[in-house]
PDB file of all heavy atoms in Angstrom:
ATOM      1  N   GLN A   1     144.727 124.304 122.773  1.00  0.00           N
ATOM      2  CA  GLN A   1     145.481 124.757 121.598  1.00  0.00           C
ATOM      3  C   GLN A   1     145.150 126.194 121.209  1.00  0.00           C
ATOM      4  O   GLN A   1     146.020 126.935 120.749  1.00  0.00           O
ATOM      5  CB  GLN A   1     145.207 123.824 120.407  1.00  0.00           C
ATOM      6  CG  GLN A   1     145.703 122.395 120.604  1.00  0.00           C
ATOM      7  CD  GLN A   1     147.223 122.277 120.460  1.00  0.00           C
ATOM      8  OE1 GLN A   1     147.931 123.241 120.693  1.00  0.00           O
ATOM      9  NE2 GLN A   1     147.711 121.111 120.082  1.00  0.00           N
ATOM     10  N   SER A   2     143.908 126.609 121.393  1.00  0.00           N
ATOM     11  CA  SER A   2     143.489 127.957 120.983  1.00  0.00           C
ATOM     12  C   SER A   2     143.446 128.932 122.155  1.00  0.00           C
ATOM     13  O   SER A   2     142.989 130.063 122.005  1.00  0.00           O
ATOM     14  CB  SER A   2     142.094 127.893 120.335  1.00  0.00           C
ATOM     15  OG  SER A   2     141.146 127.359 121.260  1.00  0.00           O
ATOM     16  N   SER A   3     143.923 128.517 123.335  1.00  0.00           N
ATOM     17  CA  SER A   3     143.814 129.362 124.523  1.00  0.00           C
ATOM     18  C   SER A   3     144.963 130.351 124.633  1.00  0.00           C
ATOM     19  O   SER A   3     146.027 130.175 124.034  1.00  0.00           O
ATOM     20  CB  SER A   3     143.769 128.486 125.782  1.00  0.00           C
ATOM     21  OG  SER A   3     144.960 127.744 125.908  1.00  0.00           O
ATOM     22  N   SER A   4     144.736 131.409 125.415  1.00  0.00           N
ATOM     23  CA  SER A   4     145.743 132.446 125.651  1.00  0.00           C
ATOM     24  C   SER A   4     146.779 131.937 126.656  1.00  0.00           C
ATOM     25  O   SER A   4     146.549 130.938 127.355  1.00  0.00           O
ATOM     26  CB  SER A   4     145.067 133.695 126.204  1.00  0.00           C
ATOM     27  OG  SER A   4     144.546 133.424 127.504  1.00  0.00           O
ATOM     28  N   PRO A   5     147.944 132.614 126.779  1.00  0.00           N
ATOM     29  CA  PRO A   5     148.949 132.211 127.773  1.00  0.00           C
ATOM     30  C   PRO A   5     148.394 132.166 129.195  1.00  0.00           C
ATOM     31  O   PRO A   5     148.767 131.298 129.986  1.00  0.00           O
ATOM     32  CB  PRO A   5     150.022 133.296 127.633  1.00  0.00           C
ATOM     33  CG  PRO A   5     149.910 133.751 126.211  1.00  0.00           C
ATOM     34  CD  PRO A   5     148.442 133.689 125.904  1.00  0.00           C
ATOM     35  N   SER A   6     147.506 133.090 129.510  1.00  0.00           N
ATOM     36  CA  SER A   6     146.919 133.122 130.846  1.00  0.00           C
ATOM     37  C   SER A   6     146.088 131.871 131.120  1.00  0.00           C
ATOM     38  O   SER A   6     146.175 131.254 132.190  1.00  0.00           O
ATOM     39  CB  SER A   6     146.045 134.372 130.993  1.00  0.00           C
ATOM     40  OG  SER A   6     145.362 134.360 132.229  1.00  0.00           O
ATOM     41  N   LEU A   7     145.261 131.480 130.152  1.00  0.00           N
ATOM     42  CA  LEU A   7     144.430 130.291 130.328  1.00  0.00           C
ATOM     43  C   LEU A   7     145.299 129.029 130.344  1.00  0.00           C
ATOM     44  O   LEU A   7     145.029 128.090 131.095  1.00  0.00           O
ATOM     45  CB  LEU A   7     143.392 130.203 129.205  1.00  0.00           C
ATOM     46  CG  LEU A   7     142.432 129.002 129.268  1.00  0.00           C
ATOM     47  CD1 LEU A   7     141.713 128.948 130.602  1.00  0.00           C
ATOM     48  CD2 LEU A   7     141.441 129.045 128.114  1.00  0.00           C
ATOM     49  N   ARG A   8     146.346 129.016 129.539  1.00  0.00           N
ATOM     50  CA  ARG A   8     147.247 127.862 129.536  1.00  0.00           C
ATOM     51  C   ARG A   8     147.891 127.677 130.915  1.00  0.00           C
ATOM     52  O   ARG A   8     148.068 126.556 131.383  1.00  0.00           O
ATOM     53  CB  ARG A   8     148.326 128.041 128.462  1.00  0.00           C
ATOM     54  CG  ARG A   8     147.782 127.923 127.051  1.00  0.00           C
ATOM     55  CD  ARG A   8     148.887 127.902 126.003  1.00  0.00           C
ATOM     56  NE  ARG A   8     148.334 127.665 124.668  1.00  0.00           N
ATOM     57  CZ  ARG A   8     149.049 127.334 123.614  1.00  0.00           C
ATOM     58  NH1 ARG A   8     150.368 127.190 123.726  1.00  0.00           N
ATOM     59  NH2 ARG A   8     148.477 127.130 122.438  1.00  0.00           N
ATOM     60  N   GLN A   9     148.224 128.804 131.547  1.00  0.00           N
ATOM     61  CA  GLN A   9     148.799 128.720 132.883  1.00  0.00           C
ATOM     62  C   GLN A   9     147.771 128.186 133.876  1.00  0.00           C
ATOM     63  O   GLN A   9     148.122 127.434 134.797  1.00  0.00           O
ATOM     64  CB  GLN A   9     149.291 130.098 133.331  1.00  0.00           C
ATOM     65  CG  GLN A   9     150.019 130.106 134.675  1.00  0.00           C
ATOM     66  CD  GLN A   9     151.230 129.195 134.691  1.00  0.00           C
ATOM     67  OE1 GLN A   9     151.993 129.167 133.736  1.00  0.00           O
ATOM     68  NE2 GLN A   9     151.399 128.438 135.764  1.00  0.00           N
ATOM     69  N   SER A  10     146.500 128.544 133.690  1.00  0.00           N
ATOM     70  CA  SER A  10     145.436 128.022 134.558  1.00  0.00           C
ATOM     71  C   SER A  10     145.308 126.519 134.395  1.00  0.00           C
ATOM     72  O   SER A  10     145.153 125.781 135.383  1.00  0.00           O
ATOM     73  CB  SER A  10     144.103 128.702 134.225  1.00  0.00           C
ATOM     74  OG  SER A  10     144.141 130.076 134.483  1.00  0.00           O
ATOM     75  N   PHE A  11     145.386 126.052 133.155  1.00  0.00           N
ATOM     76  CA  PHE A  11     145.352 124.603 132.906  1.00  0.00           C
ATOM     77  C   PHE A  11     146.509 123.911 133.639  1.00  0.00           C
ATOM     78  O   PHE A  11     146.317 122.907 134.316  1.00  0.00           O
ATOM     79  CB  PHE A  11     145.453 124.322 131.403  1.00  0.00           C
ATOM     80  CG  PHE A  11     144.132 124.274 130.689  1.00  0.00           C
ATOM     81  CD1 PHE A  11     143.806 125.210 129.732  1.00  0.00           C
ATOM     82  CD2 PHE A  11     143.211 123.273 130.977  1.00  0.00           C
ATOM     83  CE1 PHE A  11     142.588 125.168 129.074  1.00  0.00           C
ATOM     84  CE2 PHE A  11     141.982 123.209 130.311  1.00  0.00           C
ATOM     85  CZ  PHE A  11     141.678 124.164 129.358  1.00  0.00           C
ATOM     86  N   TYR A  12     147.703 124.484 133.492  1.00  0.00           N
ATOM     87  CA  TYR A  12     148.893 123.870 134.094  1.00  0.00           C
ATOM     88  C   TYR A  12     148.780 123.836 135.618  1.00  0.00           C
ATOM     89  O   TYR A  12     149.136 122.851 136.261  1.00  0.00           O
ATOM     90  CB  TYR A  12     150.141 124.630 133.667  1.00  0.00           C
ATOM     91  CG  TYR A  12     151.418 124.046 134.219  1.00  0.00           C
ATOM     92  CD1 TYR A  12     151.849 122.774 133.828  1.00  0.00           C
ATOM     93  CD2 TYR A  12     152.192 124.754 135.128  1.00  0.00           C
ATOM     94  CE1 TYR A  12     153.020 122.227 134.342  1.00  0.00           C
ATOM     95  CE2 TYR A  12     153.355 124.220 135.635  1.00  0.00           C
ATOM     96  CZ  TYR A  12     153.773 122.960 135.244  1.00  0.00           C
ATOM     97  OH  TYR A  12     154.925 122.418 135.763  1.00  0.00           O
ATOM     98  N   SER A  13     148.261 124.899 136.210  1.00  0.00           N
ATOM     99  CA  SER A  13     148.111 124.961 137.664  1.00  0.00           C
ATOM    100  C   SER A  13     147.166 123.876 138.171  1.00  0.00           C
ATOM    101  O   SER A  13     147.422 123.227 139.187  1.00  0.00           O
ATOM    102  CB  SER A  13     147.590 126.344 138.085  1.00  0.00           C
ATOM    103  OG  SER A  13     148.513 127.355 137.749  1.00  0.00           O
ATOM    104  N   VAL A  14     146.067 123.664 137.449  1.00  0.00           N
ATOM    105  CA  VAL A  14     145.105 122.640 137.850  1.00  0.00           C
ATOM    106  C   VAL A  14     145.725 121.247 137.708  1.00  0.00           C
ATOM    107  O   VAL A  14     145.526 120.379 138.574  1.00  0.00           O
ATOM    108  CB  VAL A  14     143.819 122.747 137.001  1.00  0.00           C
ATOM    109  CG1 VAL A  14     142.883 121.579 137.304  1.00  0.00           C
ATOM    110  CG2 VAL A  14     143.110 124.056 137.292  1.00  0.00           C
ATOM    111  N   ILE A  15     146.478 121.039 136.646  1.00  0.00           N
ATOM    112  CA  ILE A  15     147.135 119.736 136.447  1.00  0.00           C
ATOM    113  C   ILE A  15     148.141 119.474 137.563  1.00  0.00           C
ATOM    114  O   ILE A  15     148.243 118.354 138.085  1.00  0.00           O
ATOM    115  CB  ILE A  15     147.818 119.691 135.063  1.00  0.00           C
ATOM    116  CG1 ILE A  15     146.763 119.760 133.950  1.00  0.00           C
ATOM    117  CG2 ILE A  15     148.639 118.403 134.910  1.00  0.00           C
ATOM    118  CD1 ILE A  15     147.341 120.055 132.586  1.00  0.00           C
ATOM    119  N   CYS A  16     148.905 120.500 137.942  1.00  0.00           N
ATOM    120  CA  CYS A  16     149.855 120.370 139.060  1.00  0.00           C
ATOM    121  C   CYS A  16     149.120 120.026 140.347  1.00  0.00           C
ATOM    122  O   CYS A  16     149.621 119.250 141.179  1.00  0.00           O
ATOM    123  CB  CYS A  16     150.645 121.662 139.235  1.00  0.00           C
ATOM    124  SG  CYS A  16     151.862 121.972 137.936  1.00  0.00           S
ATOM    125  N   ARG A  17     147.927 120.593 140.502  1.00  0.00           N
ATOM    126  CA  ARG A  17     147.140 120.315 141.711  1.00  0.00           C
ATOM    127  C   ARG A  17     146.720 118.846 141.731  1.00  0.00           C
ATOM    128  O   ARG A  17     146.722 118.203 142.785  1.00  0.00           O
ATOM    129  CB  ARG A  17     145.908 121.222 141.751  1.00  0.00           C
ATOM    130  CG  ARG A  17     145.106 121.119 143.032  1.00  0.00           C
ATOM    131  CD  ARG A  17     145.955 121.528 144.213  1.00  0.00           C
ATOM    132  NE  ARG A  17     145.388 121.014 145.465  1.00  0.00           N
ATOM    133  CZ  ARG A  17     146.090 120.807 146.564  1.00  0.00           C
ATOM    134  NH1 ARG A  17     147.385 121.034 146.572  1.00  0.00           N
ATOM    135  NH2 ARG A  17     145.522 120.344 147.644  1.00  0.00           N
ATOM    136  N   VAL A  18     146.365 118.305 140.575  1.00  0.00           N
ATOM    137  CA  VAL A  18     146.018 116.884 140.478  1.00  0.00           C
ATOM    138  C   VAL A  18     147.197 116.034 140.939  1.00  0.00           C
ATOM    139  O   VAL A  18     147.044 115.093 141.717  1.00  0.00           O
ATOM    140  CB  VAL A  18     145.616 116.509 139.035  1.00  0.00           C
ATOM    141  CG1 VAL A  18     145.465 114.993 138.904  1.00  0.00           C
ATOM    142  CG2 VAL A  18     144.315 117.196 138.647  1.00  0.00           C
ATOM    143  N   ALA A  19     148.403 116.388 140.468  1.00  0.00           N
ATOM    144  CA  ALA A  19     149.607 115.631 140.832  1.00  0.00           C
ATOM    145  C   ALA A  19     149.861 115.690 142.330  1.00  0.00           C
ATOM    146  O   ALA A  19     150.178 114.673 142.971  1.00  0.00           O
ATOM    147  CB  ALA A  19     150.813 116.166 140.068  1.00  0.00           C
ATOM    148  N   THR A  20     149.710 116.879 142.912  1.00  0.00           N
ATOM    149  CA  THR A  20     149.967 117.033 144.351  1.00  0.00           C
ATOM    150  C   THR A  20     148.980 116.231 145.184  1.00  0.00           C
ATOM    151  O   THR A  20     149.359 115.574 146.157  1.00  0.00           O
ATOM    152  CB  THR A  20     149.881 118.523 144.738  1.00  0.00           C
ATOM    153  OG1 THR A  20     150.871 119.245 144.003  1.00  0.00           O
ATOM    154  CG2 THR A  20     150.120 118.709 146.228  1.00  0.00           C
ATOM    155  N   ILE A  21     147.718 116.273 144.793  1.00  0.00           N
ATOM    156  CA  ILE A  21     146.702 115.535 145.548  1.00  0.00           C
ATOM    157  C   ILE A  21     146.961 114.034 145.469  1.00  0.00           C
ATOM    158  O   ILE A  21     146.823 113.313 146.459  1.00  0.00           O
ATOM    159  CB  ILE A  21     145.289 115.888 145.033  1.00  0.00           C
ATOM    160  CG1 ILE A  21     144.921 117.305 145.476  1.00  0.00           C
ATOM    161  CG2 ILE A  21     144.251 114.893 145.544  1.00  0.00           C
ATOM    162  CD1 ILE A  21     143.572 117.771 144.993  1.00  0.00           C
ATOM    163  N   LEU A  22     147.353 113.553 144.306  1.00  0.00           N
ATOM    164  CA  LEU A  22     147.654 112.122 144.169  1.00  0.00           C
ATOM    165  C   LEU A  22     148.819 111.729 145.069  1.00  0.00           C
ATOM    166  O   LEU A  22     148.782 110.696 145.737  1.00  0.00           O
ATOM    167  CB  LEU A  22     147.980 111.787 142.715  1.00  0.00           C
ATOM    168  CG  LEU A  22     146.795 111.703 141.752  1.00  0.00           C
ATOM    169  CD1 LEU A  22     147.280 111.543 140.322  1.00  0.00           C
ATOM    170  CD2 LEU A  22     145.875 110.548 142.133  1.00  0.00           C
ATOM    171  N   LYS A  23     149.868 112.556 145.098  1.00  0.00           N
ATOM    172  CA  LYS A  23     151.060 112.218 145.881  1.00  0.00           C
ATOM    173  C   LYS A  23     150.835 112.357 147.382  1.00  0.00           C
ATOM    174  O   LYS A  23     151.472 111.667 148.168  1.00  0.00           O
ATOM    175  CB  LYS A  23     152.234 113.104 145.448  1.00  0.00           C
ATOM    176  CG  LYS A  23     152.787 112.742 144.071  1.00  0.00           C
ATOM    177  CD  LYS A  23     154.040 113.530 143.739  1.00  0.00           C
ATOM    178  CE  LYS A  23     153.731 114.957 143.368  1.00  0.00           C
ATOM    179  NZ  LYS A  23     154.942 115.679 142.914  1.00  0.00           N
ATOM    180  N   SER A  24     149.931 113.247 147.778  1.00  0.00           N
ATOM    181  CA  SER A  24     149.779 113.515 149.211  1.00  0.00           C
ATOM    182  C   SER A  24     148.509 112.942 149.833  1.00  0.00           C
ATOM    183  O   SER A  24     148.384 112.905 151.051  1.00  0.00           O
ATOM    184  CB  SER A  24     149.795 115.033 149.449  1.00  0.00           C
ATOM    185  OG  SER A  24     148.698 115.646 148.783  1.00  0.00           O
ATOM    186  N   ARG A  25     147.591 112.438 148.989  1.00  0.00           N
ATOM    187  CA  ARG A  25     146.310 112.070 149.589  1.00  0.00           C
ATOM    188  C   ARG A  25     145.719 110.754 149.083  1.00  0.00           C
ATOM    189  O   ARG A  25     145.316 109.916 149.874  1.00  0.00           O
ATOM    190  CB  ARG A  25     145.304 113.202 149.324  1.00  0.00           C
ATOM    191  CG  ARG A  25     144.085 113.165 150.207  1.00  0.00           C
ATOM    192  CD  ARG A  25     143.174 114.340 149.896  1.00  0.00           C
ATOM    193  NE  ARG A  25     143.870 115.615 150.009  1.00  0.00           N
ATOM    194  CZ  ARG A  25     143.327 116.779 149.682  1.00  0.00           C
ATOM    195  NH1 ARG A  25     142.102 116.822 149.196  1.00  0.00           N
ATOM    196  NH2 ARG A  25     144.018 117.895 149.816  1.00  0.00           N
ATOM    197  N   TYR A  26     145.662 110.533 147.786  1.00  0.00           N
ATOM    198  CA  TYR A  26     144.957 109.381 147.236  1.00  0.00           C
ATOM    199  C   TYR A  26     145.933 108.304 146.754  1.00  0.00           C
ATOM    200  O   TYR A  26     146.904 108.600 146.074  1.00  0.00           O
ATOM    201  CB  TYR A  26     144.063 109.800 146.066  1.00  0.00           C
ATOM    202  CG  TYR A  26     143.031 110.856 146.403  1.00  0.00           C
ATOM    203  CD1 TYR A  26     142.557 111.744 145.456  1.00  0.00           C
ATOM    204  CD2 TYR A  26     142.521 110.954 147.706  1.00  0.00           C
ATOM    205  CE1 TYR A  26     141.607 112.707 145.765  1.00  0.00           C
ATOM    206  CE2 TYR A  26     141.573 111.910 148.025  1.00  0.00           C
ATOM    207  CZ  TYR A  26     141.124 112.787 147.049  1.00  0.00           C
ATOM    208  OH  TYR A  26     140.187 113.732 147.367  1.00  0.00           O
ATOM    209  N   THR A  27     145.658 107.064 147.072  1.00  0.00           N
ATOM    210  CA  THR A  27     146.553 105.968 146.676  1.00  0.00           C
ATOM    211  C   THR A  27     145.862 104.908 145.825  1.00  0.00           C
ATOM    212  O   THR A  27     146.539 104.063 145.250  1.00  0.00           O
ATOM    213  CB  THR A  27     147.123 105.276 147.935  1.00  0.00           C
ATOM    214  OG1 THR A  27     146.034 104.777 148.732  1.00  0.00           O
ATOM    215  CG2 THR A  27     147.952 106.246 148.761  1.00  0.00           C
ATOM    216  N   ALA A  28     144.536 104.920 145.731  1.00  0.00           N
ATOM    217  CA  ALA A  28     143.815 103.887 144.980  1.00  0.00           C
ATOM    218  C   ALA A  28     144.207 103.927 143.500  1.00  0.00           C
ATOM    219  O   ALA A  28     144.381 105.004 142.922  1.00  0.00           O
ATOM    220  CB  ALA A  28     142.300 104.081 145.125  1.00  0.00           C
ATOM    221  N   PRO A  29     144.334 102.753 142.862  1.00  0.00           N
ATOM    222  CA  PRO A  29     144.761 102.697 141.453  1.00  0.00           C
ATOM    223  C   PRO A  29     143.868 103.507 140.516  1.00  0.00           C
ATOM    224  O   PRO A  29     144.361 104.094 139.556  1.00  0.00           O
ATOM    225  CB  PRO A  29     144.688 101.205 141.128  1.00  0.00           C
ATOM    226  CG  PRO A  29     144.855 100.511 142.444  1.00  0.00           C
ATOM    227  CD  PRO A  29     144.184 101.398 143.451  1.00  0.00           C
TER     228      PRO A  29
END
């Protein structure tokens, strides 16, 4: 909430990476 646009983009990039890894690599619940 208190982060700059640059840091917010870093957060979003890491979250997208989590999504990609789940879809392409990990299947456990």
